[in-house]
Each structure stands twice: as C-alpha cells, then as structure tokens.
Protein backbone atom coordinates (compact mmCIF):
# COMPACT_ATOMS: atom_id res chain seq x y z
CA MET A 1 31.90 -46.32 -61.19
CA LYS A 2 33.16 -49.64 -59.86
CA ARG A 3 36.26 -47.96 -58.52
CA ARG A 4 34.12 -45.51 -56.50
CA ASN A 5 32.08 -48.35 -55.04
CA ILE A 6 35.26 -50.19 -54.06
CA GLU A 7 36.68 -47.06 -52.41
CA GLU A 8 33.42 -46.48 -50.52
CA LYS A 9 33.40 -50.09 -49.32
CA GLU A 10 37.02 -49.78 -48.13
CA LYS A 11 36.18 -46.59 -46.22
CA GLU A 12 33.18 -48.32 -44.66
CA LYS A 13 35.37 -51.26 -43.59
CA GLU A 14 37.94 -48.88 -42.05
CA ARG A 15 35.18 -47.03 -40.19
CA ASN A 16 33.74 -50.31 -38.88
CA LEU A 17 37.19 -51.48 -37.76
CA THR A 18 37.88 -48.26 -35.88
CA GLN A 19 34.47 -48.45 -34.23
CA LYS A 20 35.15 -52.01 -33.11
CA ASP A 21 38.64 -51.10 -31.90
CA GLN A 22 37.28 -48.26 -29.82
CA GLY A 23 34.59 -50.48 -28.34
CA ILE A 24 31.86 -48.08 -29.35
CA ILE A 25 28.41 -49.58 -29.11
CA GLY A 26 25.50 -47.92 -30.81
CA LYS A 27 24.19 -46.95 -34.19
CA TYR A 28 26.15 -44.29 -36.04
CA VAL A 29 24.43 -41.37 -37.70
CA GLU A 30 26.37 -39.44 -40.35
CA ASP A 31 26.37 -35.69 -39.95
CA GLU A 32 28.12 -33.29 -42.28
CA LYS A 33 31.16 -32.92 -40.05
CA THR A 34 30.97 -35.46 -37.23
CA GLN A 35 29.73 -38.90 -36.36
CA GLN A 36 27.48 -39.21 -33.34
CA ILE A 37 26.17 -42.21 -31.50
CA GLU A 38 22.41 -42.47 -31.43
CA LYS A 39 21.25 -42.97 -27.84
CA PRO A 40 18.73 -45.72 -27.17
CA LYS A 41 15.20 -44.48 -26.53
CA GLN A 42 14.14 -44.50 -22.90
CA THR A 43 10.65 -45.53 -22.06
CA ASN A 44 8.55 -43.68 -19.50
CA PHE A 45 9.00 -46.62 -17.13
CA ASP A 46 12.81 -46.34 -17.39
CA ILE A 47 12.67 -42.63 -16.61
CA PHE A 48 10.28 -43.23 -13.71
CA MET A 49 12.58 -45.92 -12.28
CA MET A 50 15.61 -43.62 -12.52
CA TYR A 51 13.86 -40.96 -10.46
CA PHE A 52 12.36 -43.53 -8.10
CA GLU A 53 15.79 -45.05 -7.36
CA THR A 54 17.24 -41.60 -6.71
CA ILE A 55 14.40 -40.72 -4.33
CA ILE A 56 14.82 -44.04 -2.48
CA PHE A 57 18.55 -43.41 -1.96
CA TRP A 58 17.87 -39.86 -0.76
CA ILE A 59 15.34 -41.23 1.75
CA ILE A 60 17.89 -43.79 2.97
CA THR A 61 20.59 -41.12 3.30
CA ILE A 62 18.30 -38.73 5.18
CA PHE A 63 17.18 -41.56 7.47
CA ILE A 64 20.80 -42.53 8.23
CA ASN A 65 21.69 -38.91 8.93
CA LYS A 66 18.69 -38.37 11.25
CA LYS A 67 19.10 -41.67 13.09
CA TRP A 68 22.85 -41.54 13.68
CA GLU A 69 23.39 -37.75 13.40
CA ILE A 70 26.37 -38.08 11.10
CA LEU A 71 26.52 -34.44 9.99
CA ASN A 72 26.33 -33.18 13.58
CA ASN A 73 29.08 -35.59 14.62
CA LEU A 74 31.29 -34.52 11.72
CA ILE A 75 31.19 -30.97 13.05
CA SER A 76 31.28 -31.45 16.81
CA ASN A 77 32.47 -34.94 17.83
CA GLU A 78 35.99 -35.02 19.26
CA LYS A 79 36.41 -38.79 18.76
CA LEU A 80 36.58 -38.46 14.99
CA HIS A 81 39.94 -38.42 13.23
CA ASN A 82 39.76 -34.84 11.97
CA LYS A 83 42.78 -35.05 9.66
CA TRP A 84 41.16 -37.93 7.73
CA ILE A 85 37.84 -36.08 7.54
CA PHE A 86 39.76 -33.03 6.30
CA LEU A 87 41.52 -35.13 3.63
CA SER A 88 38.20 -36.62 2.51
CA ALA A 89 36.75 -33.09 2.29
CA ILE A 90 39.68 -32.00 0.10
CA CYS A 91 39.17 -35.03 -2.17
CA THR A 92 35.43 -34.28 -2.38
CA ILE A 93 36.00 -30.63 -3.28
CA ASN A 94 38.62 -31.61 -5.87
CA PHE A 95 36.31 -34.24 -7.43
CA ILE A 96 33.35 -31.84 -7.61
CA ALA A 97 35.54 -29.04 -9.03
CA ILE A 98 36.81 -31.29 -11.83
CA PHE A 99 33.26 -32.48 -12.51
CA ILE A 100 32.04 -28.87 -12.79
CA TYR A 101 35.01 -28.03 -15.03
CA LEU A 102 34.33 -30.88 -17.46
CA ALA A 103 30.53 -30.88 -17.37
CA VAL A 104 29.68 -27.19 -17.00
CA TYR A 105 32.62 -24.85 -17.61
CA LEU A 106 34.01 -26.31 -20.83
CA PRO A 107 30.73 -26.96 -22.71
CA LYS A 108 28.60 -24.08 -21.39
CA ILE A 109 31.00 -21.19 -20.76
CA LYS A 110 33.99 -21.85 -23.02
CA LYS A 111 31.81 -23.52 -25.70
CA ILE A 112 34.28 -26.39 -26.06
CA ASN A 113 32.52 -29.61 -26.97
CA VAL A 114 33.50 -32.44 -24.62
CA ASP A 115 33.11 -35.71 -26.51
CA TRP A 116 31.77 -38.26 -24.00
CA SER A 117 31.16 -40.93 -26.66
CA SER A 118 34.24 -43.00 -25.83
CA TYR A 119 36.61 -43.40 -22.94
CA GLU A 120 39.64 -42.82 -25.18
CA ASN A 121 38.40 -39.36 -26.20
CA ILE A 122 38.05 -38.24 -22.60
CA ILE A 123 41.39 -39.69 -21.51
CA ASN A 124 43.33 -38.29 -24.47
CA ASN A 125 41.80 -34.80 -24.34
CA HIS A 126 41.49 -34.32 -20.57
CA LYS A 127 44.24 -36.56 -19.21
CA ASN A 128 45.18 -34.54 -16.11
CA ALA A 129 41.60 -33.82 -15.11
CA MET A 130 40.61 -37.47 -15.35
CA PHE A 131 43.73 -38.58 -13.47
CA PHE A 132 43.10 -36.24 -10.54
CA ALA A 133 39.37 -37.00 -10.49
CA THR A 134 40.13 -40.72 -10.34
CA ILE A 135 42.70 -40.32 -7.57
CA SER A 136 40.33 -38.09 -5.60
CA GLY A 137 37.40 -40.48 -6.01
CA VAL A 138 39.46 -43.50 -4.99
CA LEU A 139 41.03 -41.84 -1.93
CA LEU A 140 37.81 -40.17 -0.76
CA THR A 141 36.17 -43.40 0.42
CA PRO A 142 38.92 -44.81 2.66
CA PHE A 143 39.69 -41.36 4.09
CA PHE A 144 36.05 -40.88 5.08
CA VAL A 145 35.71 -44.41 6.49
CA ILE A 146 38.90 -44.02 8.58
CA GLY A 147 37.72 -40.59 9.74
CA ILE A 148 34.34 -41.74 11.08
CA TRP A 149 35.48 -45.21 12.24
CA PRO A 150 36.04 -44.27 15.95
CA VAL A 151 32.39 -43.28 16.35
CA TYR A 152 30.49 -45.64 14.02
CA ARG A 153 32.86 -48.64 13.77
CA LEU A 154 31.52 -51.25 11.34
CA PHE A 155 28.61 -49.01 10.29
CA SER A 156 31.11 -46.64 8.67
CA ILE A 157 31.29 -48.76 5.52
CA PRO A 158 27.53 -48.97 4.76
CA PHE A 159 27.11 -45.28 5.63
CA THR A 160 29.83 -44.36 3.15
CA ALA A 161 28.33 -46.68 0.52
CA ALA A 162 24.88 -45.10 0.99
CA PHE A 163 26.28 -41.57 0.64
CA GLY A 164 28.32 -42.52 -2.43
CA LEU A 165 25.40 -44.24 -4.16
CA THR A 166 23.14 -41.29 -3.42
CA PHE A 167 25.72 -39.02 -5.05
CA LEU A 168 25.98 -41.28 -8.12
CA PHE A 169 22.22 -41.67 -8.53
CA THR A 170 21.79 -37.89 -8.24
CA VAL A 171 24.58 -36.97 -10.67
CA ARG A 172 23.07 -39.00 -13.50
CA HIS A 173 20.14 -36.55 -13.66
CA ILE A 174 22.40 -33.63 -14.58
CA PRO A 175 22.04 -32.89 -18.30
CA PHE A 176 25.44 -32.87 -20.02
CA ASN A 177 24.36 -31.47 -23.37
C-alpha cells in the first residue's frame, strides 16, 4: 500500500516537472488517454471586447483603403515597385496556405489532431510548416512596405501595421477545434 502511494507521488512529481519544463500554464484534466489543458472561462464582456476590437480594426482598414485608395493603387499605379508587391503576395499566399493546412486540412479532412497546447509540440511535429510560415510572415511586412513606399512614403508603415493587426484580430475568431 505504501509502495503504491510512493510510486504515485513519484509519477506526480515527474508530471509536474515536465509541465514546468514545457512552460505549460493551466490546470490539467486527466482523460483516459491524454492530458488536456483546461481553458480559462471567458466572460461575456471578454467575448464582446474581442468582437468589438475586430470591428474597430476593420473600420480603420476600410477607412484607410477608401481614403488613400490602396487597393486601386496596388493594381494600377505605375510608381509602385511591382516585384516587391509580387514577393509580398507570394509570402501572403504561402502563409495562408500553411495556416489552412494546419488549422483546417489536418484536423478536419485528414482527422489528424494538431496539439496546440505547447510550442514544442507544434515545432516538433510540423517543423517545416512552421519554419516556412515564420519566414513568410517575417518577409511579408518589409516586402509590402518597400513595394508601396514610392506612393505612400512614411504612411506605408502604419498602413501595413493596420492591415496586419486586422488580419490577426480576425484570425483569432476562427475555431480551431
């Protein structure tokens, strides 16, 4: 009896050490086969603020586009550096394709569970996808800024920041599970 209790305590200590090593924050719930992190409860105010922030960024992005006609200039303005715009478009398509692969194709179509609970799980299991998504995301911003710089000069940076934040605030509403 005592030996069982000692073994259970040792297993609990090992589990706690691995959780601390992985930097996992949250309360663990034991299932039959897996351990899952219990997500904190969101209040109605938190959910409202998430949607409110997203709507605000969409309004800002639409206002910027209407005021400075960015989409029209991307298509028709000859002053833009088209090769940099083209490179930013390739990075955008690559980033979105990897996102769809990890968030939609694997879990929904192939029925492969993507464990998003820790960074190490994603990096170890999807190393190439994460590498190319990171490279694409990092290169996308300077390519786009350089591409629109001849027309918008210093406004290129806040325009790019507004578009990027609108994308990030919109993506967080996509259900992953």
